[in-house]
Amino acid sequence: MKYQSDENDVTLVKDLSKGNILAFNILFKKYGSRLYRFAFGFLKSEAESEELVQEVFTRVWEKRSGLRKELSFKSYLFTIAYNIIMKYFRTQKYIYEYYNSKIYCDLDIQTSQKISYDSLHQYLTELVNKLPEKRREIFIKSRLEGMRIKEIADEMGISHKTVENQLTNALKYIRQHFNKENILFVLLLILILS
């Protein structure tokens, strides 16, 4: 089967679920670089970001028969990537390095140890969900999906300046509402907002 360059995800995911390698390759080309930018924003390492992209798509291929075409494939990919990154930070003891940095010297370590990553993610999600619709969409596309300002502007049919302004306002809102005693939330903010 031949695919056109603008083939939608539903058709590609349907074919991928049947083991179609061409559909898999098209989805990889479509989302691989976005996932890489997303991962690099957290990991700050080209090699580790490339490995993460490979791991995400390896999981997609392994679970292809269970893919549901009605779900957002893009969201599925970025959820896998996010979960891998959070696991990576837990297992690689990156948090320990942040505990010992000057930024966190005056924070209560015992308080931070009680906070789980799940509650952290839930809190950020709640903050993001309180943003106005357009601002929320721009924040998600930029910070969670790794899209560039130009890509967002083109996709949404708005100016670059509008995207920049909405993103600035979203980041300002999130910064204003985080709890400074929550060291893990501070860590997540640094990773997402950098």
C-alpha atoms as a PDB file:
ATOM      1  CA  MET A   1       0.000   0.000   0.000  1.00  0.00           C
ATOM      2  CA  LYS A   2       1.293   3.459  -0.872  1.00  0.00           C
ATOM      3  CA  TYR A   3       0.949   6.307   1.593  1.00  0.00           C
ATOM      4  CA  GLN A   4       0.768   9.994   0.904  1.00  0.00           C
ATOM      5  CA  SER A   5       2.955  12.353   2.904  1.00  0.00           C
ATOM      6  CA  ASP A   6      -0.056  13.841   4.688  1.00  0.00           C
ATOM      7  CA  GLU A   7      -1.619  10.488   5.636  1.00  0.00           C
ATOM      8  CA  ASN A   8      -3.444  10.777   8.934  1.00  0.00           C
ATOM      9  CA  ASP A   9      -2.432   8.900  12.060  1.00  0.00           C
ATOM     10  CA  VAL A  10      -5.628   6.850  12.265  1.00  0.00           C
ATOM     11  CA  THR A  11      -4.920   5.085   8.972  1.00  0.00           C
ATOM     12  CA  LEU A  12      -1.240   4.618   9.800  1.00  0.00           C
ATOM     13  CA  VAL A  13      -1.945   3.267  13.291  1.00  0.00           C
ATOM     14  CA  LYS A  14      -4.559   0.883  11.901  1.00  0.00           C
ATOM     15  CA  ASP A  15      -2.020  -0.484   9.430  1.00  0.00           C
ATOM     16  CA  LEU A  16       0.751  -0.525  12.036  1.00  0.00           C
ATOM     17  CA  SER A  17      -1.437  -2.623  14.330  1.00  0.00           C
ATOM     18  CA  LYS A  18      -1.504  -5.208  11.531  1.00  0.00           C
ATOM     19  CA  GLY A  19       2.313  -5.224  11.372  1.00  0.00           C
ATOM     20  CA  ASN A  20       2.794  -2.905   8.393  1.00  0.00           C
ATOM     21  CA  ILE A  21       6.442  -1.790   8.569  1.00  0.00           C
ATOM     22  CA  LEU A  22       5.921   1.041   6.080  1.00  0.00           C
ATOM     23  CA  ALA A  23       3.266   2.607   8.332  1.00  0.00           C
ATOM     24  CA  PHE A  24       5.678   2.233  11.261  1.00  0.00           C
ATOM     25  CA  ASN A  25       8.460   3.968   9.316  1.00  0.00           C
ATOM     26  CA  ILE A  26       6.195   6.869   8.352  1.00  0.00           C
ATOM     27  CA  LEU A  27       5.112   7.366  11.965  1.00  0.00           C
ATOM     28  CA  PHE A  28       8.755   7.217  13.047  1.00  0.00           C
ATOM     29  CA  LYS A  29       9.706   9.897  10.521  1.00  0.00           C
ATOM     30  CA  LYS A  30       6.712  12.002  11.532  1.00  0.00           C
ATOM     31  CA  TYR A  31       7.328  11.942  15.286  1.00  0.00           C
ATOM     32  CA  GLY A  32      10.952  10.887  15.810  1.00  0.00           C
ATOM     33  CA  SER A  33      12.457  14.381  15.752  1.00  0.00           C
ATOM     34  CA  ARG A  34       9.716  15.791  18.014  1.00  0.00           C
ATOM     35  CA  LEU A  35      10.319  13.036  20.542  1.00  0.00           C
ATOM     36  CA  TYR A  36      14.053  13.693  20.328  1.00  0.00           C
ATOM     37  CA  ARG A  37      13.591  17.411  21.121  1.00  0.00           C
ATOM     38  CA  PHE A  38      11.224  16.539  23.960  1.00  0.00           C
ATOM     39  CA  ALA A  39      13.722  14.075  25.446  1.00  0.00           C
ATOM     40  CA  PHE A  40      16.676  16.424  24.966  1.00  0.00           C
ATOM     41  CA  GLY A  41      14.813  19.099  26.925  1.00  0.00           C
ATOM     42  CA  PHE A  42      14.942  16.786  29.934  1.00  0.00           C
ATOM     43  CA  LEU A  43      18.085  14.742  29.436  1.00  0.00           C
ATOM     44  CA  LYS A  44      20.404  17.347  27.849  1.00  0.00           C
ATOM     45  CA  SER A  45      22.236  14.508  26.112  1.00  0.00           C
ATOM     46  CA  GLU A  46      22.113  13.703  22.407  1.00  0.00           C
ATOM     47  CA  ALA A  47      22.969  10.032  22.898  1.00  0.00           C
ATOM     48  CA  GLU A  48      20.436   9.478  25.686  1.00  0.00           C
ATOM     49  CA  SER A  49      17.752  11.338  23.733  1.00  0.00           C
ATOM     50  CA  GLU A  50      18.369   9.164  20.672  1.00  0.00           C
ATOM     51  CA  GLU A  51      18.199   6.047  22.846  1.00  0.00           C
ATOM     52  CA  LEU A  52      14.898   7.205  24.303  1.00  0.00           C
ATOM     53  CA  VAL A  53      13.379   7.683  20.831  1.00  0.00           C
ATOM     54  CA  GLN A  54      14.517   4.179  19.890  1.00  0.00           C
ATOM     55  CA  GLU A  55      13.062   2.737  23.091  1.00  0.00           C
ATOM     56  CA  VAL A  56       9.703   4.465  22.577  1.00  0.00           C
ATOM     57  CA  PHE A  57       9.355   3.147  19.042  1.00  0.00           C
ATOM     58  CA  THR A  58      10.565  -0.300  20.068  1.00  0.00           C
ATOM     59  CA  ARG A  59       7.733  -0.406  22.619  1.00  0.00           C
ATOM     60  CA  VAL A  60       5.264   0.814  19.996  1.00  0.00           C
ATOM     61  CA  TRP A  61       6.331  -1.975  17.640  1.00  0.00           C
ATOM     62  CA  GLU A  62       6.149  -4.606  20.388  1.00  0.00           C
ATOM     63  CA  LYS A  63       2.644  -3.484  21.406  1.00  0.00           C
ATOM     64  CA  ARG A  64       1.416  -2.717  17.890  1.00  0.00           C
ATOM     65  CA  SER A  65      -1.340  -5.320  17.896  1.00  0.00           C
ATOM     66  CA  GLY A  66      -2.970  -3.624  20.901  1.00  0.00           C
ATOM     67  CA  LEU A  67      -2.971  -0.113  19.440  1.00  0.00           C
ATOM     68  CA  ARG A  68      -6.377   1.512  19.250  1.00  0.00           C
ATOM     69  CA  LYS A  69      -6.775   3.748  16.226  1.00  0.00           C
ATOM     70  CA  GLU A  70      -9.259   6.069  17.966  1.00  0.00           C
ATOM     71  CA  LEU A  71      -6.703   7.198  20.563  1.00  0.00           C
ATOM     72  CA  SER A  72      -4.228  10.004  19.889  1.00  0.00           C
ATOM     73  CA  PHE A  73      -1.056   8.312  18.698  1.00  0.00           C
ATOM     74  CA  LYS A  74       0.955  11.467  19.398  1.00  0.00           C
ATOM     75  CA  SER A  75      -0.232  11.574  23.029  1.00  0.00           C
ATOM     76  CA  TYR A  76       0.509   7.866  23.356  1.00  0.00           C
ATOM     77  CA  LEU A  77       4.107   8.412  22.192  1.00  0.00           C
ATOM     78  CA  PHE A  78       4.770  11.349  24.474  1.00  0.00           C
ATOM     79  CA  THR A  79       3.248   9.577  27.471  1.00  0.00           C
ATOM     80  CA  ILE A  80       5.612   6.645  26.926  1.00  0.00           C
ATOM     81  CA  ALA A  81       8.546   9.051  26.565  1.00  0.00           C
ATOM     82  CA  TYR A  82       7.614  10.997  29.693  1.00  0.00           C
ATOM     83  CA  ASN A  83       7.303   7.818  31.762  1.00  0.00           C
ATOM     84  CA  ILE A  84      10.694   6.564  30.541  1.00  0.00           C
ATOM     85  CA  ILE A  85      12.299   9.895  31.439  1.00  0.00           C
ATOM     86  CA  MET A  86      10.810   9.904  34.931  1.00  0.00           C
ATOM     87  CA  LYS A  87      11.994   6.342  35.493  1.00  0.00           C
ATOM     88  CA  TYR A  88      15.414   7.355  34.213  1.00  0.00           C
ATOM     89  CA  PHE A  89      15.671  10.189  36.729  1.00  0.00           C
ATOM     90  CA  ARG A  90      14.660   7.907  39.569  1.00  0.00           C
ATOM     91  CA  THR A  91      17.075   5.117  38.690  1.00  0.00           C
ATOM     92  CA  GLN A  92      20.058   7.264  37.726  1.00  0.00           C
ATOM     93  CA  LYS A  93      20.016   9.209  41.004  1.00  0.00           C
ATOM     94  CA  TYR A  94      19.812  12.569  39.277  1.00  0.00           C
ATOM     95  CA  ILE A  95      17.643  13.786  42.123  1.00  0.00           C
ATOM     96  CA  TYR A  96      20.550  13.300  44.506  1.00  0.00           C
ATOM     97  CA  GLU A  97      22.600  15.764  42.484  1.00  0.00           C
ATOM     98  CA  TYR A  98      19.812  18.317  42.688  1.00  0.00           C
ATOM     99  CA  TYR A  99      19.496  17.849  46.457  1.00  0.00           C
ATOM    100  CA  ASN A 100      23.139  18.769  46.841  1.00  0.00           C
ATOM    101  CA  SER A 101      23.157  21.768  44.521  1.00  0.00           C
ATOM    102  CA  LYS A 102      23.174  25.308  45.906  1.00  0.00           C
ATOM    103  CA  ILE A 103      19.666  25.946  44.583  1.00  0.00           C
ATOM    104  CA  TYR A 104      18.140  23.540  47.086  1.00  0.00           C
ATOM    105  CA  CYS A 105      20.285  24.066  50.179  1.00  0.00           C
ATOM    106  CA  ASP A 106      17.578  25.926  52.069  1.00  0.00           C
ATOM    107  CA  LEU A 107      14.754  23.545  51.167  1.00  0.00           C
ATOM    108  CA  ASP A 108      13.393  20.910  53.509  1.00  0.00           C
ATOM    109  CA  ILE A 109      14.679  17.576  52.166  1.00  0.00           C
ATOM    110  CA  GLN A 110      12.327  15.524  54.356  1.00  0.00           C
ATOM    111  CA  THR A 111       9.297  17.252  52.848  1.00  0.00           C
ATOM    112  CA  SER A 112      10.516  16.575  49.333  1.00  0.00           C
ATOM    113  CA  GLN A 113      11.130  12.900  50.003  1.00  0.00           C
ATOM    114  CA  LYS A 114       7.438  12.418  50.813  1.00  0.00           C
ATOM    115  CA  ILE A 115       6.336  13.645  47.391  1.00  0.00           C
ATOM    116  CA  SER A 116       5.874  11.051  44.695  1.00  0.00           C
ATOM    117  CA  TYR A 117       6.409  11.616  41.009  1.00  0.00           C
ATOM    118  CA  ASP A 118       2.785  10.716  40.401  1.00  0.00           C
ATOM    119  CA  SER A 119       1.495  13.494  42.615  1.00  0.00           C
ATOM    120  CA  LEU A 120       4.001  15.846  41.042  1.00  0.00           C
ATOM    121  CA  HIS A 121       2.802  15.041  37.557  1.00  0.00           C
ATOM    122  CA  GLN A 122      -0.811  15.336  38.714  1.00  0.00           C
ATOM    123  CA  TYR A 123      -0.175  18.784  40.194  1.00  0.00           C
ATOM    124  CA  LEU A 124       1.469  20.054  37.013  1.00  0.00           C
ATOM    125  CA  THR A 125      -1.398  18.595  34.975  1.00  0.00           C
ATOM    126  CA  GLU A 126      -3.913  20.409  37.203  1.00  0.00           C
ATOM    127  CA  LEU A 127      -2.067  23.695  36.698  1.00  0.00           C
ATOM    128  CA  VAL A 128      -1.897  23.186  32.944  1.00  0.00           C
ATOM    129  CA  ASN A 129      -5.599  22.285  32.812  1.00  0.00           C
ATOM    130  CA  LYS A 130      -6.466  25.594  34.493  1.00  0.00           C
ATOM    131  CA  LEU A 131      -4.891  27.542  31.630  1.00  0.00           C
ATOM    132  CA  PRO A 132      -7.211  29.042  28.992  1.00  0.00           C
ATOM    133  CA  GLU A 133      -7.761  26.590  26.116  1.00  0.00           C
ATOM    134  CA  LYS A 134      -5.468  28.171  23.517  1.00  0.00           C
ATOM    135  CA  ARG A 135      -2.716  28.834  26.064  1.00  0.00           C
ATOM    136  CA  ARG A 136      -2.946  25.261  27.346  1.00  0.00           C
ATOM    137  CA  GLU A 137      -2.739  23.854  23.817  1.00  0.00           C
ATOM    138  CA  ILE A 138       0.338  25.962  23.041  1.00  0.00           C
ATOM    139  CA  PHE A 139       2.034  24.981  26.313  1.00  0.00           C
ATOM    140  CA  ILE A 140       1.433  21.275  25.677  1.00  0.00           C
ATOM    141  CA  LYS A 141       2.677  21.491  22.099  1.00  0.00           C
ATOM    142  CA  SER A 142       5.800  23.385  23.154  1.00  0.00           C
ATOM    143  CA  ARG A 143       6.836  21.863  26.457  1.00  0.00           C
ATOM    144  CA  LEU A 144       5.339  18.387  26.378  1.00  0.00           C
ATOM    145  CA  GLU A 145       5.419  17.538  22.671  1.00  0.00           C
ATOM    146  CA  GLY A 146       8.641  19.375  21.864  1.00  0.00           C
ATOM    147  CA  MET A 147       7.294  21.457  19.006  1.00  0.00           C
ATOM    148  CA  ARG A 148       9.038  24.686  18.003  1.00  0.00           C
ATOM    149  CA  ILE A 149       7.253  28.040  18.003  1.00  0.00           C
ATOM    150  CA  LYS A 150       7.186  28.147  14.188  1.00  0.00           C
ATOM    151  CA  GLU A 151       5.658  24.665  14.013  1.00  0.00           C
ATOM    152  CA  ILE A 152       2.983  25.584  16.547  1.00  0.00           C
ATOM    153  CA  ALA A 153       2.160  28.830  14.749  1.00  0.00           C
ATOM    154  CA  ASP A 154       1.893  27.044  11.398  1.00  0.00           C
ATOM    155  CA  GLU A 155      -0.213  24.196  12.794  1.00  0.00           C
ATOM    156  CA  MET A 156      -2.603  26.506  14.650  1.00  0.00           C
ATOM    157  CA  GLY A 157      -2.720  29.190  11.963  1.00  0.00           C
ATOM    158  CA  ILE A 158      -1.618  31.989  14.298  1.00  0.00           C
ATOM    159  CA  SER A 159       1.362  34.348  14.415  1.00  0.00           C
ATOM    160  CA  HIS A 160       4.696  33.489  16.016  1.00  0.00           C
ATOM    161  CA  LYS A 161       4.248  36.444  18.373  1.00  0.00           C
ATOM    162  CA  THR A 162       0.901  35.086  19.572  1.00  0.00           C
ATOM    163  CA  VAL A 163       2.511  31.717  20.302  1.00  0.00           C
ATOM    164  CA  GLU A 164       5.374  33.401  22.183  1.00  0.00           C
ATOM    165  CA  ASN A 165       3.001  35.578  24.232  1.00  0.00           C
ATOM    166  CA  GLN A 166       0.717  32.658  25.126  1.00  0.00           C
ATOM    167  CA  LEU A 167       3.691  30.491  26.091  1.00  0.00           C
ATOM    168  CA  THR A 168       5.202  33.264  28.221  1.00  0.00           C
ATOM    169  CA  ASN A 169       1.895  33.742  30.051  1.00  0.00           C
ATOM    170  CA  ALA A 170       1.513  29.988  30.604  1.00  0.00           C
ATOM    171  CA  LEU A 171       5.018  29.695  32.069  1.00  0.00           C
ATOM    172  CA  LYS A 172       4.456  32.741  34.276  1.00  0.00           C
ATOM    173  CA  TYR A 173       1.215  31.248  35.629  1.00  0.00           C
ATOM    174  CA  ILE A 174       2.856  27.905  36.416  1.00  0.00           C
ATOM    175  CA  ARG A 175       5.846  29.546  38.107  1.00  0.00           C
ATOM    176  CA  GLN A 176       3.524  31.642  40.277  1.00  0.00           C
ATOM    177  CA  HIS A 177       1.575  28.620  41.507  1.00  0.00           C
ATOM    178  CA  PHE A 178       4.221  26.099  42.436  1.00  0.00           C
ATOM    179  CA  ASN A 179       4.988  25.272  46.041  1.00  0.00           C
ATOM    180  CA  LYS A 180       8.598  26.246  46.806  1.00  0.00           C
ATOM    181  CA  GLU A 181       8.858  23.623  49.546  1.00  0.00           C
ATOM    182  CA  ASN A 182       8.221  20.885  47.030  1.00  0.00           C
ATOM    183  CA  ILE A 183      11.714  20.169  45.748  1.00  0.00           C
ATOM    184  CA  LEU A 184      10.569  17.580  43.219  1.00  0.00           C
ATOM    185  CA  PHE A 185       8.164  20.066  41.707  1.00  0.00           C
ATOM    186  CA  VAL A 186      10.985  22.580  41.470  1.00  0.00           C
ATOM    187  CA  LEU A 187      13.041  19.912  39.689  1.00  0.00           C
ATOM    188  CA  LEU A 188      10.254  19.172  37.234  1.00  0.00           C
ATOM    189  CA  LEU A 189       9.759  22.882  36.559  1.00  0.00           C
ATOM    190  CA  ILE A 190      13.443  23.347  35.837  1.00  0.00           C
ATOM    191  CA  LEU A 191      13.358  20.454  33.410  1.00  0.00           C
ATOM    192  CA  ILE A 192      10.155  21.472  31.646  1.00  0.00           C
ATOM    193  CA  LEU A 193      10.667  25.216  31.634  1.00  0.00           C
ATOM    194  CA  SER A 194      14.313  25.202  30.561  1.00  0.00           C
END
